[in-house]
């Protein structure tokens, strides 16, 4: 079992330390505390990544709502140039 601290886990996941610190609970990344510090096991992170990628592959993106930009002029204050 390999134990990683916050910085090492962030590198493993391809995130910044701040992003991981702010999101590990919300993303439900398995962790534990050792001496008041947040630690991760490499095996648990690998399992988390595998489950996350599998969930993304199974998700159907066709049903997602499409955002429509209803603004006539995206740059305010200037008229559009006719092409």
Protein backbone atom coordinates (compact mmCIF):
# COMPACT_ATOMS: atom_id res chain seq x y z
CA UNK A 1 0.00 0.00 0.00
CA UNK A 2 1.42 3.36 -1.09
CA UNK A 3 0.27 6.40 0.88
CA UNK A 4 0.21 9.77 -0.89
CA UNK A 5 -0.11 13.22 0.60
CA UNK A 6 -2.23 16.00 -0.95
CA UNK A 7 0.47 17.24 -3.34
CA UNK A 8 1.41 13.76 -4.56
CA UNK A 9 -2.24 12.81 -5.06
CA UNK A 10 -2.87 16.02 -7.00
CA UNK A 11 0.00 15.21 -9.37
CA UNK A 12 -1.31 11.65 -9.78
CA UNK A 13 -4.80 12.95 -10.65
CA UNK A 14 -3.55 15.77 -12.87
CA UNK A 15 -5.00 18.48 -10.64
CA UNK A 16 -3.50 21.29 -8.65
CA UNK A 17 -3.11 20.91 -4.91
CA UNK A 18 -5.64 23.69 -4.35
CA UNK A 19 -8.21 22.06 -6.63
CA UNK A 20 -7.84 18.73 -4.87
CA UNK A 21 -7.97 20.37 -1.43
CA UNK A 22 -11.20 22.14 -2.35
CA UNK A 23 -12.85 19.23 -4.15
CA UNK A 24 -11.84 15.90 -2.60
CA UNK A 25 -15.03 15.68 -0.49
CA UNK A 26 -17.33 16.86 -3.27
CA UNK A 27 -15.78 14.41 -5.75
CA UNK A 28 -15.97 11.69 -3.09
CA UNK A 29 -12.33 10.70 -3.45
CA UNK A 30 -11.48 8.04 -0.87
CA UNK A 31 -9.18 9.48 1.79
CA UNK A 32 -8.25 9.23 5.45
CA UNK A 33 -6.56 11.39 8.06
CA UNK A 34 -3.21 10.57 9.54
CA UNK A 35 -1.88 12.94 12.17
CA UNK A 36 -4.41 15.58 11.15
CA UNK A 37 -3.32 15.51 7.50
CA UNK A 38 -5.37 14.22 4.58
CA UNK A 39 -3.84 11.14 2.94
CA UNK A 40 -4.78 8.96 -0.02
CA UNK A 41 -3.78 5.46 -1.05
CA UNK A 42 -2.54 5.01 -4.59
CA UNK A 43 -4.74 1.94 -5.04
CA UNK A 44 -7.87 3.85 -4.00
CA UNK A 45 -7.01 6.70 -6.38
CA UNK A 46 -6.49 4.26 -9.27
CA UNK A 47 -9.88 2.68 -8.52
CA UNK A 48 -11.47 6.14 -8.33
CA UNK A 49 -10.02 7.11 -11.72
CA UNK A 50 -11.17 3.84 -13.30
CA UNK A 51 -14.72 4.25 -11.94
CA UNK A 52 -14.85 7.89 -13.04
CA UNK A 53 -13.73 7.15 -16.59
CA UNK A 54 -16.14 4.21 -16.83
CA UNK A 55 -19.02 6.44 -15.68
CA UNK A 56 -18.12 9.04 -18.32
CA UNK A 57 -18.01 6.42 -21.07
CA UNK A 58 -21.44 5.06 -20.09
CA UNK A 59 -23.08 8.48 -19.90
CA UNK A 60 -25.22 9.49 -22.87
CA UNK A 61 -24.29 13.03 -23.87
CA UNK A 62 -27.05 13.32 -26.48
CA UNK A 63 -29.66 14.27 -23.89
CA UNK A 64 -27.66 17.13 -22.39
CA UNK A 65 -29.26 20.56 -22.82
CA UNK A 66 -27.66 22.84 -25.36
CA UNK A 67 -26.87 26.38 -24.25
CA UNK A 68 -28.06 28.93 -26.77
CA UNK A 69 -26.46 32.37 -26.78
CA UNK A 70 -29.45 34.68 -27.09
CA UNK A 71 -27.44 37.88 -27.09
CA UNK A 72 -27.57 39.66 -30.43
CA UNK A 73 -24.23 41.34 -29.93
CA UNK A 74 -21.74 39.42 -27.75
CA UNK A 75 -19.45 42.47 -27.43
CA UNK A 76 -21.42 45.18 -25.69
CA UNK A 77 -21.22 48.78 -26.85
CA UNK A 78 -19.88 48.10 -30.32
CA UNK A 79 -21.99 47.35 -33.36
CA UNK A 80 -21.14 44.28 -35.39
CA UNK A 81 -19.35 44.75 -38.67
CA UNK A 82 -21.17 43.43 -41.71
CA UNK A 83 -19.16 40.83 -43.60
